[in-house]
Structures are given as C-alpha cells and as structure tokens.
Amino acid sequence: MSEKEIIERLKKIVEPYVQRSEGLENFQEKTDFLNDLEINSANLVDVVLDVEDEFDIEIDNDSMEGMLTVGDAKSIIQDKIKAE
C-alpha cells in the first residue's frame, strides 16, 4: 500500500471529526490532529478505532499516544501492516 493511499484513507477517516475544515484543505504529513484539524482528544480515540478497522491492525497505547500528526499515523500504520 502506497504512502499516498494511506494518507487518502486517513483523510476520509478523520473528516467527520474535524472542527477546522481549513486543515483538511492542506491535509499532509505535518498536519496535526489536535492543532490543525481541532479534533478533540475524545474523538481522537474514535479516529484510532476507525484506523484499526480500516487497516485491520491493532494500535497499542504507546503508539496511540505518539499519533499526533498525519505523518505519525502513516508511520504507525505502515509499521503495523509490516508486522502482520
């Protein structure tokens, strides 16, 4: 799975939780879930659950805490897919 495909799928996952739509227009690896998209921490848990379902992976608590940007999420997804 390409990095671009992962990022496109991530964008679809986070879209319902985004409070700041301008952040979606510039959705890229450095996009911060909390600051740029204004996704609250409760919804961030929902995003993680949706990512697990979408990519058929399991994200542990340590990885979840490190998932602050789109790039972080992409790297975690890639690592988990490789580990399976």
N, C-alpha and C. Protein backbone atom coordinates (compact mmCIF):
# COMPACT_ATOMS: atom_id res chain seq x y z
N MET A 1 0.85 -1.18 0.00
CA MET A 1 0.00 0.00 0.00
C MET A 1 0.89 1.25 0.00
N SER A 2 0.61 2.18 -0.90
CA SER A 2 1.45 3.37 -1.02
C SER A 2 1.18 4.36 0.12
N GLU A 3 2.17 5.23 0.35
CA GLU A 3 2.01 6.26 1.37
C GLU A 3 0.83 7.18 1.02
N LYS A 4 0.71 7.50 -0.26
CA LYS A 4 -0.37 8.38 -0.71
C LYS A 4 -1.73 7.75 -0.42
N GLU A 5 -1.85 6.45 -0.66
CA GLU A 5 -3.11 5.75 -0.40
C GLU A 5 -3.44 5.76 1.09
N ILE A 6 -2.44 5.54 1.93
CA ILE A 6 -2.66 5.57 3.39
C ILE A 6 -3.16 6.95 3.80
N ILE A 7 -2.52 8.00 3.29
CA ILE A 7 -2.91 9.37 3.66
C ILE A 7 -4.32 9.69 3.17
N GLU A 8 -4.67 9.23 1.97
CA GLU A 8 -6.02 9.46 1.45
C GLU A 8 -7.07 8.76 2.31
N ARG A 9 -6.76 7.53 2.72
CA ARG A 9 -7.70 6.80 3.57
C ARG A 9 -7.81 7.45 4.95
N LEU A 10 -6.68 7.94 5.47
CA LEU A 10 -6.69 8.64 6.75
C LEU A 10 -7.56 9.89 6.69
N LYS A 11 -7.47 10.61 5.59
CA LYS A 11 -8.27 11.83 5.44
C LYS A 11 -9.75 11.51 5.51
N LYS A 12 -10.17 10.44 4.87
CA LYS A 12 -11.58 10.04 4.91
C LYS A 12 -12.01 9.65 6.32
N ILE A 13 -11.10 9.02 7.05
CA ILE A 13 -11.41 8.59 8.43
C ILE A 13 -11.60 9.80 9.34
N VAL A 14 -10.70 10.78 9.25
CA VAL A 14 -10.75 11.91 10.20
C VAL A 14 -11.79 12.96 9.83
N GLU A 15 -12.21 12.99 8.58
CA GLU A 15 -13.12 14.05 8.11
C GLU A 15 -14.34 14.29 9.00
N PRO A 16 -15.04 13.24 9.46
CA PRO A 16 -16.23 13.51 10.30
C PRO A 16 -15.92 14.15 11.65
N TYR A 17 -14.66 14.07 12.10
CA TYR A 17 -14.29 14.56 13.43
C TYR A 17 -13.66 15.96 13.38
N VAL A 18 -13.36 16.45 12.20
CA VAL A 18 -12.64 17.72 12.04
C VAL A 18 -13.52 18.90 12.41
N GLN A 19 -12.98 19.80 13.25
CA GLN A 19 -13.70 21.01 13.65
C GLN A 19 -13.22 22.22 12.84
N ARG A 20 -12.09 22.09 12.19
CA ARG A 20 -11.50 23.20 11.42
C ARG A 20 -11.27 22.73 9.99
N SER A 21 -12.21 23.02 9.13
CA SER A 21 -12.19 22.48 7.76
C SER A 21 -11.00 22.97 6.94
N GLU A 22 -10.42 24.14 7.29
CA GLU A 22 -9.24 24.62 6.56
C GLU A 22 -8.09 23.62 6.68
N GLY A 23 -8.04 22.94 7.79
CA GLY A 23 -6.99 21.94 7.99
C GLY A 23 -7.09 20.79 7.01
N LEU A 24 -8.30 20.45 6.60
CA LEU A 24 -8.49 19.37 5.62
C LEU A 24 -8.01 19.76 4.23
N GLU A 25 -8.10 21.05 3.92
CA GLU A 25 -7.67 21.52 2.61
C GLU A 25 -6.17 21.32 2.40
N ASN A 26 -5.41 21.41 3.47
CA ASN A 26 -3.95 21.24 3.40
C ASN A 26 -3.52 19.95 4.11
N PHE A 27 -4.30 18.90 3.96
CA PHE A 27 -4.06 17.63 4.65
C PHE A 27 -2.77 17.00 4.12
N GLN A 28 -1.76 16.95 4.97
CA GLN A 28 -0.46 16.38 4.60
C GLN A 28 0.21 15.79 5.83
N GLU A 29 1.41 15.24 5.63
CA GLU A 29 2.07 14.53 6.74
C GLU A 29 2.25 15.38 7.99
N LYS A 30 2.52 16.68 7.82
CA LYS A 30 2.76 17.51 9.00
C LYS A 30 1.48 18.04 9.65
N THR A 31 0.32 17.71 9.08
CA THR A 31 -0.95 18.15 9.65
C THR A 31 -1.12 17.54 11.05
N ASP A 32 -1.36 18.39 12.02
CA ASP A 32 -1.53 17.98 13.42
C ASP A 32 -3.01 17.78 13.71
N PHE A 33 -3.35 16.62 14.25
CA PHE A 33 -4.76 16.30 14.50
C PHE A 33 -5.41 17.28 15.48
N LEU A 34 -4.69 17.64 16.54
CA LEU A 34 -5.27 18.50 17.57
C LEU A 34 -5.25 19.97 17.18
N ASN A 35 -4.12 20.45 16.67
CA ASN A 35 -3.97 21.88 16.38
C ASN A 35 -4.53 22.29 15.03
N ASP A 36 -4.18 21.57 13.97
CA ASP A 36 -4.58 21.96 12.63
C ASP A 36 -6.03 21.58 12.31
N LEU A 37 -6.45 20.41 12.80
CA LEU A 37 -7.80 19.92 12.49
C LEU A 37 -8.78 20.14 13.65
N GLU A 38 -8.22 20.47 14.82
CA GLU A 38 -9.02 20.69 16.03
C GLU A 38 -9.91 19.50 16.37
N ILE A 39 -9.35 18.31 16.24
CA ILE A 39 -10.06 17.11 16.67
C ILE A 39 -9.83 16.98 18.17
N ASN A 40 -10.90 16.88 18.96
CA ASN A 40 -10.70 16.81 20.41
C ASN A 40 -10.19 15.42 20.80
N SER A 41 -9.64 15.34 21.99
CA SER A 41 -8.98 14.11 22.41
C SER A 41 -9.93 12.92 22.48
N ALA A 42 -11.18 13.15 22.83
CA ALA A 42 -12.15 12.04 22.85
C ALA A 42 -12.38 11.50 21.44
N ASN A 43 -12.49 12.40 20.47
CA ASN A 43 -12.69 11.97 19.09
C ASN A 43 -11.44 11.34 18.51
N LEU A 44 -10.27 11.71 19.06
CA LEU A 44 -9.03 11.10 18.58
C LEU A 44 -9.03 9.60 18.86
N VAL A 45 -9.63 9.20 19.97
CA VAL A 45 -9.77 7.78 20.27
C VAL A 45 -10.65 7.11 19.21
N ASP A 46 -11.72 7.79 18.81
CA ASP A 46 -12.57 7.26 17.73
C ASP A 46 -11.80 7.13 16.43
N VAL A 47 -10.94 8.10 16.15
CA VAL A 47 -10.11 8.04 14.94
C VAL A 47 -9.23 6.80 14.98
N VAL A 48 -8.61 6.55 16.13
CA VAL A 48 -7.73 5.38 16.26
C VAL A 48 -8.52 4.10 16.04
N LEU A 49 -9.70 4.01 16.62
CA LEU A 49 -10.54 2.82 16.43
C LEU A 49 -10.92 2.64 14.96
N ASP A 50 -11.24 3.74 14.29
CA ASP A 50 -11.58 3.69 12.87
C ASP A 50 -10.38 3.27 12.03
N VAL A 51 -9.20 3.75 12.40
CA VAL A 51 -7.97 3.36 11.70
C VAL A 51 -7.73 1.86 11.86
N GLU A 52 -7.93 1.37 13.07
CA GLU A 52 -7.76 -0.07 13.30
C GLU A 52 -8.69 -0.87 12.40
N ASP A 53 -9.93 -0.46 12.30
CA ASP A 53 -10.90 -1.17 11.46
C ASP A 53 -10.55 -1.05 9.98
N GLU A 54 -10.21 0.15 9.54
CA GLU A 54 -9.93 0.42 8.12
C GLU A 54 -8.73 -0.38 7.62
N PHE A 55 -7.68 -0.46 8.45
CA PHE A 55 -6.44 -1.10 8.02
C PHE A 55 -6.26 -2.50 8.61
N ASP A 56 -7.22 -2.96 9.39
CA ASP A 56 -7.18 -4.28 10.01
C ASP A 56 -5.89 -4.47 10.82
N ILE A 57 -5.63 -3.51 11.70
CA ILE A 57 -4.45 -3.55 12.57
C ILE A 57 -4.88 -3.26 14.00
N GLU A 58 -3.95 -3.46 14.93
CA GLU A 58 -4.20 -3.11 16.33
C GLU A 58 -3.16 -2.10 16.77
N ILE A 59 -3.63 -0.99 17.32
CA ILE A 59 -2.73 0.08 17.75
C ILE A 59 -2.68 0.09 19.27
N ASP A 60 -1.48 -0.15 19.82
CA ASP A 60 -1.33 -0.19 21.27
C ASP A 60 -1.31 1.24 21.84
N ASN A 61 -1.40 1.34 23.15
CA ASN A 61 -1.48 2.64 23.81
C ASN A 61 -0.26 3.52 23.53
N ASP A 62 0.94 2.93 23.53
CA ASP A 62 2.14 3.71 23.27
C ASP A 62 2.10 4.33 21.87
N SER A 63 1.69 3.53 20.89
CA SER A 63 1.58 4.03 19.52
C SER A 63 0.50 5.10 19.42
N MET A 64 -0.60 4.87 20.13
CA MET A 64 -1.71 5.81 20.08
C MET A 64 -1.27 7.18 20.62
N GLU A 65 -0.49 7.19 21.69
CA GLU A 65 -0.02 8.44 22.27
C GLU A 65 0.91 9.19 21.33
N GLY A 66 1.59 8.45 20.45
CA GLY A 66 2.51 9.08 19.51
C GLY A 66 1.87 9.48 18.20
N MET A 67 0.57 9.30 18.09
CA MET A 67 -0.14 9.58 16.84
C MET A 67 -0.70 11.00 16.86
N LEU A 68 0.19 11.98 16.69
CA LEU A 68 -0.21 13.38 16.79
C LEU A 68 -0.40 14.05 15.43
N THR A 69 0.32 13.55 14.43
CA THR A 69 0.22 14.13 13.09
C THR A 69 -0.17 13.05 12.09
N VAL A 70 -0.51 13.49 10.89
CA VAL A 70 -0.83 12.55 9.82
C VAL A 70 0.39 11.68 9.52
N GLY A 71 1.57 12.26 9.54
CA GLY A 71 2.80 11.51 9.29
C GLY A 71 3.04 10.44 10.35
N ASP A 72 2.78 10.80 11.62
CA ASP A 72 2.90 9.83 12.71
C ASP A 72 1.96 8.66 12.47
N ALA A 73 0.72 8.97 12.14
CA ALA A 73 -0.28 7.93 11.91
C ALA A 73 0.12 7.04 10.75
N LYS A 74 0.61 7.65 9.67
CA LYS A 74 1.03 6.89 8.48
C LYS A 74 2.16 5.93 8.84
N SER A 75 3.15 6.41 9.60
CA SER A 75 4.28 5.55 10.00
C SER A 75 3.83 4.39 10.88
N ILE A 76 2.93 4.67 11.82
CA ILE A 76 2.41 3.63 12.71
C ILE A 76 1.64 2.59 11.90
N ILE A 77 0.81 3.05 10.98
CA ILE A 77 0.04 2.13 10.13
C ILE A 77 0.98 1.26 9.31
N GLN A 78 2.00 1.88 8.70
CA GLN A 78 2.96 1.10 7.90
C GLN A 78 3.67 0.05 8.74
N ASP A 79 4.11 0.45 9.94
CA ASP A 79 4.80 -0.50 10.84
C ASP A 79 3.90 -1.66 11.23
N LYS A 80 2.64 -1.36 11.54
CA LYS A 80 1.70 -2.41 11.98
C LYS A 80 1.37 -3.34 10.81
N ILE A 81 1.24 -2.80 9.60
CA ILE A 81 0.95 -3.65 8.43
C ILE A 81 2.13 -4.59 8.17
N LYS A 82 3.35 -4.06 8.28
CA LYS A 82 4.55 -4.89 8.06
C LYS A 82 4.67 -5.99 9.10
N ALA A 83 4.25 -5.69 10.34
CA ALA A 83 4.40 -6.64 11.45
C ALA A 83 3.43 -7.81 11.35
N GLU A 84 2.37 -7.65 10.56
CA GLU A 84 1.34 -8.70 10.49
C GLU A 84 1.75 -9.81 9.58
